[in-house]
Amino acid sequence: MTIIAAVTDSPEGALALSEGVAEAKRLGTELVAVNLGLIPLDVSPHGAEVPITVVDRVGRGDRDPVDAVLDQITSHGATRLVIGVKRRSAVGKAVLGSVSQRLLLHAPVPVLAVKLPENH
């Protein structure tokens, strides 16, 4: 049993990582953090609470972020996906799409969607 966290370069991504660690700890399993950002992902603040494997993308030319996460779910036999979400306008969703929305719709495992408090 493995938990996958889709981690972006945003407060929502940091929250997904933290909640992924908490979920893996609750379930007594490992965490795979899929780094969807373009900077190295520092997992050291989470100490040795759970084993964390970081999977980095190569860069902007790398495959679609959603495909990267879905591939990791399959290759690790994951049982849960953790993502961070934020409120977006209808126009924002239509024009830019949404990695979170696509993951919610296409993930073959249950998805834990976490959001920041309203005042963030």
N, C-alpha and C. Protein backbone atom coordinates (compact mmCIF):
# COMPACT_ATOMS: atom_id res chain seq x y z
N MET A 1 0.86 -1.17 0.00
CA MET A 1 0.00 0.00 0.00
C MET A 1 0.90 1.23 0.00
N THR A 2 0.65 2.15 -0.93
CA THR A 2 1.44 3.37 -1.06
C THR A 2 0.50 4.55 -1.25
N ILE A 3 0.88 5.68 -0.70
CA ILE A 3 0.15 6.93 -0.90
C ILE A 3 0.95 7.77 -1.90
N ILE A 4 0.28 8.39 -2.84
CA ILE A 4 0.91 9.30 -3.79
C ILE A 4 0.43 10.71 -3.46
N ALA A 5 1.36 11.66 -3.41
CA ALA A 5 1.00 13.08 -3.25
C ALA A 5 1.48 13.82 -4.49
N ALA A 6 0.58 14.54 -5.14
CA ALA A 6 0.93 15.39 -6.27
C ALA A 6 1.30 16.75 -5.71
N VAL A 7 2.58 17.12 -5.83
CA VAL A 7 3.09 18.32 -5.16
C VAL A 7 3.50 19.36 -6.19
N THR A 8 2.83 20.51 -6.15
CA THR A 8 3.15 21.63 -7.04
C THR A 8 3.96 22.68 -6.29
N ASP A 9 4.47 23.68 -7.03
CA ASP A 9 5.19 24.82 -6.42
C ASP A 9 4.17 25.85 -5.94
N SER A 10 3.39 25.51 -4.96
CA SER A 10 2.35 26.42 -4.48
C SER A 10 2.02 26.06 -3.04
N PRO A 11 1.31 26.94 -2.35
CA PRO A 11 0.86 26.58 -1.00
C PRO A 11 -0.02 25.32 -1.00
N GLU A 12 -0.81 25.13 -2.06
CA GLU A 12 -1.64 23.94 -2.16
C GLU A 12 -0.78 22.68 -2.29
N GLY A 13 0.32 22.80 -3.01
CA GLY A 13 1.23 21.67 -3.14
C GLY A 13 1.90 21.31 -1.82
N ALA A 14 2.30 22.34 -1.07
CA ALA A 14 2.90 22.10 0.25
C ALA A 14 1.88 21.44 1.18
N LEU A 15 0.63 21.84 1.09
CA LEU A 15 -0.42 21.23 1.90
C LEU A 15 -0.65 19.77 1.49
N ALA A 16 -0.62 19.50 0.19
CA ALA A 16 -0.78 18.12 -0.29
C ALA A 16 0.34 17.23 0.26
N LEU A 17 1.57 17.76 0.29
CA LEU A 17 2.68 16.99 0.84
C LEU A 17 2.48 16.71 2.33
N SER A 18 2.13 17.74 3.08
CA SER A 18 1.91 17.57 4.52
C SER A 18 0.80 16.58 4.82
N GLU A 19 -0.30 16.70 4.09
CA GLU A 19 -1.43 15.79 4.30
C GLU A 19 -1.11 14.39 3.80
N GLY A 20 -0.29 14.30 2.76
CA GLY A 20 0.15 12.99 2.30
C GLY A 20 0.98 12.29 3.35
N VAL A 21 1.87 13.03 4.01
CA VAL A 21 2.67 12.47 5.10
C VAL A 21 1.75 12.00 6.22
N ALA A 22 0.78 12.82 6.57
CA ALA A 22 -0.15 12.45 7.65
C ALA A 22 -0.96 11.21 7.29
N GLU A 23 -1.40 11.13 6.05
CA GLU A 23 -2.19 9.99 5.59
C GLU A 23 -1.34 8.71 5.59
N ALA A 24 -0.11 8.81 5.11
CA ALA A 24 0.78 7.65 5.11
C ALA A 24 1.09 7.20 6.53
N LYS A 25 1.25 8.16 7.43
CA LYS A 25 1.51 7.83 8.84
C LYS A 25 0.30 7.11 9.45
N ARG A 26 -0.92 7.63 9.18
CA ARG A 26 -2.14 7.00 9.70
C ARG A 26 -2.28 5.57 9.22
N LEU A 27 -1.89 5.34 7.95
CA LEU A 27 -2.07 4.02 7.35
C LEU A 27 -0.84 3.13 7.50
N GLY A 28 0.23 3.67 8.07
CA GLY A 28 1.44 2.88 8.27
C GLY A 28 2.09 2.45 6.97
N THR A 29 2.17 3.37 6.01
CA THR A 29 2.72 3.04 4.70
C THR A 29 3.68 4.12 4.23
N GLU A 30 4.19 3.94 3.03
CA GLU A 30 5.14 4.90 2.47
C GLU A 30 4.41 5.96 1.65
N LEU A 31 5.14 7.04 1.35
CA LEU A 31 4.62 8.13 0.54
C LEU A 31 5.52 8.33 -0.66
N VAL A 32 4.91 8.48 -1.83
CA VAL A 32 5.63 8.88 -3.03
C VAL A 32 5.17 10.28 -3.37
N ALA A 33 6.09 11.25 -3.33
CA ALA A 33 5.78 12.64 -3.65
C ALA A 33 6.17 12.90 -5.10
N VAL A 34 5.18 13.13 -5.94
CA VAL A 34 5.44 13.43 -7.35
C VAL A 34 5.61 14.94 -7.44
N ASN A 35 6.85 15.36 -7.69
CA ASN A 35 7.18 16.78 -7.75
C ASN A 35 6.78 17.33 -9.10
N LEU A 36 5.67 18.07 -9.14
CA LEU A 36 5.18 18.65 -10.38
C LEU A 36 5.78 20.04 -10.64
N GLY A 37 6.57 20.52 -9.69
CA GLY A 37 7.24 21.81 -9.85
C GLY A 37 8.55 21.63 -10.59
N LEU A 38 9.20 22.75 -10.81
CA LEU A 38 10.46 22.73 -11.54
C LEU A 38 11.67 22.99 -10.65
N ILE A 39 11.43 23.04 -9.34
CA ILE A 39 12.54 23.20 -8.39
C ILE A 39 12.60 21.95 -7.52
N PRO A 40 13.77 21.63 -6.97
CA PRO A 40 13.86 20.44 -6.13
C PRO A 40 12.88 20.50 -4.96
N LEU A 41 12.34 19.36 -4.63
CA LEU A 41 11.37 19.26 -3.54
C LEU A 41 12.09 18.86 -2.26
N ASP A 42 11.98 19.70 -1.24
CA ASP A 42 12.62 19.45 0.05
C ASP A 42 11.62 18.78 0.98
N VAL A 43 11.88 17.52 1.29
CA VAL A 43 10.98 16.78 2.19
C VAL A 43 11.58 16.68 3.59
N SER A 44 12.75 17.28 3.80
CA SER A 44 13.42 17.17 5.11
C SER A 44 12.60 17.72 6.28
N PRO A 45 11.76 18.76 6.10
CA PRO A 45 10.97 19.23 7.25
C PRO A 45 10.03 18.16 7.81
N HIS A 46 9.76 17.14 7.03
CA HIS A 46 8.84 16.09 7.48
C HIS A 46 9.58 14.99 8.23
N GLY A 47 10.89 15.16 8.39
CA GLY A 47 11.68 14.23 9.20
C GLY A 47 11.56 12.81 8.73
N ALA A 48 11.59 11.92 9.67
CA ALA A 48 11.52 10.49 9.36
C ALA A 48 10.16 9.92 9.75
N GLU A 49 9.13 10.76 9.68
CA GLU A 49 7.79 10.30 10.07
C GLU A 49 7.35 9.09 9.25
N VAL A 50 7.58 9.15 7.94
CA VAL A 50 7.27 8.05 7.03
C VAL A 50 8.34 8.03 5.94
N PRO A 51 8.56 6.87 5.32
CA PRO A 51 9.49 6.85 4.18
C PRO A 51 8.90 7.64 3.02
N ILE A 52 9.68 8.58 2.47
CA ILE A 52 9.21 9.41 1.36
C ILE A 52 10.16 9.23 0.18
N THR A 53 9.60 8.89 -0.96
CA THR A 53 10.33 8.83 -2.21
C THR A 53 9.88 10.01 -3.05
N VAL A 54 10.82 10.79 -3.57
CA VAL A 54 10.48 11.93 -4.43
C VAL A 54 10.72 11.53 -5.88
N VAL A 55 9.71 11.75 -6.71
CA VAL A 55 9.81 11.52 -8.14
C VAL A 55 9.77 12.89 -8.81
N ASP A 56 10.89 13.28 -9.45
CA ASP A 56 10.98 14.59 -10.10
C ASP A 56 10.63 14.50 -11.57
N ARG A 57 10.10 15.59 -12.08
CA ARG A 57 9.92 15.73 -13.53
C ARG A 57 11.21 16.35 -14.07
N VAL A 58 11.44 16.16 -15.34
CA VAL A 58 12.68 16.64 -15.96
C VAL A 58 12.63 18.14 -16.22
N GLY A 59 11.50 18.67 -16.60
CA GLY A 59 11.39 20.10 -16.92
C GLY A 59 10.11 20.37 -17.66
N ARG A 60 9.99 21.57 -18.19
CA ARG A 60 8.75 21.96 -18.87
C ARG A 60 8.42 21.04 -20.04
N GLY A 61 9.42 20.51 -20.70
CA GLY A 61 9.19 19.63 -21.84
C GLY A 61 8.81 18.21 -21.46
N ASP A 62 8.84 17.92 -20.17
CA ASP A 62 8.48 16.58 -19.70
C ASP A 62 7.00 16.33 -20.00
N ARG A 63 6.59 15.11 -19.87
CA ARG A 63 5.20 14.74 -20.18
C ARG A 63 4.20 15.51 -19.33
N ASP A 64 2.96 15.37 -19.69
CA ASP A 64 1.85 16.02 -19.00
C ASP A 64 1.89 15.67 -17.51
N PRO A 65 1.73 16.66 -16.62
CA PRO A 65 1.77 16.38 -15.18
C PRO A 65 0.75 15.34 -14.73
N VAL A 66 -0.42 15.36 -15.32
CA VAL A 66 -1.45 14.39 -14.94
C VAL A 66 -1.00 12.98 -15.30
N ASP A 67 -0.43 12.82 -16.50
CA ASP A 67 0.07 11.51 -16.90
C ASP A 67 1.19 11.05 -15.97
N ALA A 68 2.04 11.98 -15.55
CA ALA A 68 3.14 11.63 -14.64
C ALA A 68 2.59 11.07 -13.33
N VAL A 69 1.56 11.71 -12.78
CA VAL A 69 0.97 11.25 -11.52
C VAL A 69 0.26 9.92 -11.72
N LEU A 70 -0.53 9.81 -12.78
CA LEU A 70 -1.25 8.56 -13.04
C LEU A 70 -0.29 7.39 -13.24
N ASP A 71 0.83 7.64 -13.92
CA ASP A 71 1.83 6.59 -14.12
C ASP A 71 2.42 6.14 -12.78
N GLN A 72 2.64 7.07 -11.87
CA GLN A 72 3.20 6.70 -10.56
C GLN A 72 2.19 5.91 -9.73
N ILE A 73 0.91 6.24 -9.86
CA ILE A 73 -0.12 5.47 -9.16
C ILE A 73 -0.05 4.02 -9.61
N THR A 74 0.05 3.82 -10.91
CA THR A 74 0.10 2.47 -11.46
C THR A 74 1.39 1.75 -11.09
N SER A 75 2.53 2.41 -11.28
CA SER A 75 3.80 1.73 -11.07
C SER A 75 4.08 1.41 -9.60
N HIS A 76 3.50 2.17 -8.67
CA HIS A 76 3.71 1.90 -7.25
C HIS A 76 2.55 1.12 -6.61
N GLY A 77 1.53 0.81 -7.39
CA GLY A 77 0.38 0.11 -6.82
C GLY A 77 -0.26 0.92 -5.71
N ALA A 78 -0.36 2.22 -5.92
CA ALA A 78 -0.87 3.12 -4.88
C ALA A 78 -2.34 2.84 -4.58
N THR A 79 -2.71 3.16 -3.35
CA THR A 79 -4.09 2.96 -2.92
C THR A 79 -4.82 4.28 -2.69
N ARG A 80 -4.09 5.40 -2.74
CA ARG A 80 -4.70 6.71 -2.50
C ARG A 80 -3.84 7.80 -3.11
N LEU A 81 -4.50 8.87 -3.56
CA LEU A 81 -3.83 10.05 -4.11
C LEU A 81 -4.23 11.25 -3.27
N VAL A 82 -3.24 12.09 -2.94
CA VAL A 82 -3.51 13.33 -2.20
C VAL A 82 -3.15 14.51 -3.10
N ILE A 83 -4.09 15.44 -3.24
CA ILE A 83 -3.86 16.63 -4.06
C ILE A 83 -4.30 17.87 -3.30
N GLY A 84 -3.70 18.99 -3.62
CA GLY A 84 -4.13 20.28 -3.09
C GLY A 84 -4.99 20.97 -4.13
N VAL A 85 -6.04 21.61 -3.69
CA VAL A 85 -6.96 22.29 -4.61
C VAL A 85 -7.16 23.73 -4.18
N LYS A 86 -7.55 24.56 -5.15
CA LYS A 86 -7.91 25.94 -4.84
C LYS A 86 -9.12 26.33 -5.66
N ARG A 87 -9.83 27.32 -5.18
CA ARG A 87 -11.02 27.79 -5.88
C ARG A 87 -10.58 28.52 -7.15
N ARG A 88 -11.24 28.19 -8.26
CA ARG A 88 -10.94 28.83 -9.53
C ARG A 88 -12.23 29.30 -10.18
N SER A 89 -12.14 30.36 -10.93
CA SER A 89 -13.32 30.84 -11.64
C SER A 89 -13.63 29.90 -12.81
N ALA A 90 -14.84 30.00 -13.32
CA ALA A 90 -15.22 29.17 -14.47
C ALA A 90 -14.33 29.47 -15.67
N VAL A 91 -14.02 30.75 -15.86
CA VAL A 91 -13.15 31.14 -16.97
C VAL A 91 -11.75 30.57 -16.77
N GLY A 92 -11.26 30.63 -15.55
CA GLY A 92 -9.93 30.08 -15.25
C GLY A 92 -9.86 28.60 -15.56
N LYS A 93 -10.90 27.86 -15.23
CA LYS A 93 -10.94 26.43 -15.52
C LYS A 93 -11.00 26.17 -17.02
N ALA A 94 -11.82 26.96 -17.71
CA ALA A 94 -11.99 26.75 -19.14
C ALA A 94 -10.73 27.10 -19.93
N VAL A 95 -10.08 28.18 -19.56
CA VAL A 95 -8.92 28.64 -20.32
C VAL A 95 -7.65 27.87 -19.95
N LEU A 96 -7.43 27.66 -18.67
CA LEU A 96 -6.18 27.06 -18.22
C LEU A 96 -6.28 25.57 -17.92
N GLY A 97 -7.48 25.05 -17.80
CA GLY A 97 -7.62 23.66 -17.39
C GLY A 97 -7.27 23.53 -15.92
N SER A 98 -7.26 22.34 -15.42
CA SER A 98 -6.95 22.15 -14.02
C SER A 98 -6.38 20.75 -13.82
N VAL A 99 -5.12 20.72 -13.39
CA VAL A 99 -4.48 19.44 -13.10
C VAL A 99 -5.27 18.72 -12.03
N SER A 100 -5.66 19.44 -10.98
CA SER A 100 -6.42 18.82 -9.88
C SER A 100 -7.72 18.21 -10.37
N GLN A 101 -8.43 18.95 -11.20
CA GLN A 101 -9.71 18.46 -11.70
C GLN A 101 -9.51 17.21 -12.55
N ARG A 102 -8.51 17.22 -13.41
CA ARG A 102 -8.24 16.04 -14.24
C ARG A 102 -7.84 14.84 -13.39
N LEU A 103 -7.05 15.08 -12.33
CA LEU A 103 -6.67 13.97 -11.45
C LEU A 103 -7.89 13.41 -10.73
N LEU A 104 -8.77 14.30 -10.27
CA LEU A 104 -10.00 13.84 -9.60
C LEU A 104 -10.82 12.94 -10.52
N LEU A 105 -10.89 13.32 -11.78
CA LEU A 105 -11.74 12.58 -12.72
C LEU A 105 -11.10 11.30 -13.24
N HIS A 106 -9.76 11.24 -13.30
CA HIS A 106 -9.11 10.11 -13.96
C HIS A 106 -8.33 9.18 -13.03
N ALA A 107 -8.15 9.55 -11.78
CA ALA A 107 -7.39 8.69 -10.87
C ALA A 107 -8.13 7.38 -10.63
N PRO A 108 -7.40 6.25 -10.72
CA PRO A 108 -8.03 4.95 -10.51
C PRO A 108 -8.13 4.56 -9.02
N VAL A 109 -7.78 5.49 -8.15
CA VAL A 109 -7.81 5.24 -6.69
C VAL A 109 -8.56 6.39 -6.02
N PRO A 110 -8.98 6.22 -4.77
CA PRO A 110 -9.62 7.33 -4.06
C PRO A 110 -8.68 8.53 -3.97
N VAL A 111 -9.26 9.73 -4.06
CA VAL A 111 -8.48 10.97 -4.03
C VAL A 111 -8.86 11.77 -2.79
N LEU A 112 -7.84 12.14 -2.01
CA LEU A 112 -8.02 13.05 -0.88
C LEU A 112 -7.65 14.44 -1.36
N ALA A 113 -8.64 15.30 -1.53
CA ALA A 113 -8.42 16.68 -1.99
C ALA A 113 -8.43 17.59 -0.77
N VAL A 114 -7.33 18.32 -0.59
CA VAL A 114 -7.21 19.22 0.57
C VAL A 114 -7.10 20.65 0.08
N LYS A 115 -7.68 21.57 0.85
CA LYS A 115 -7.62 22.98 0.46
C LYS A 115 -7.20 23.82 1.64
N LEU A 116 -6.60 24.96 1.32
CA LEU A 116 -6.17 25.91 2.34
C LEU A 116 -7.39 26.58 2.96
N PRO A 117 -7.24 27.09 4.17
CA PRO A 117 -8.35 27.86 4.76
C PRO A 117 -8.70 29.06 3.88
N GLU A 118 -9.92 29.54 3.98
CA GLU A 118 -10.42 30.65 3.16
C GLU A 118 -9.51 31.88 3.15
N ASN A 119 -8.86 32.20 4.25
CA ASN A 119 -8.09 33.45 4.34
C ASN A 119 -6.71 33.38 3.70
N HIS A 120 -6.37 32.29 3.03
CA HIS A 120 -5.06 32.18 2.37
C HIS A 120 -5.12 32.65 0.96
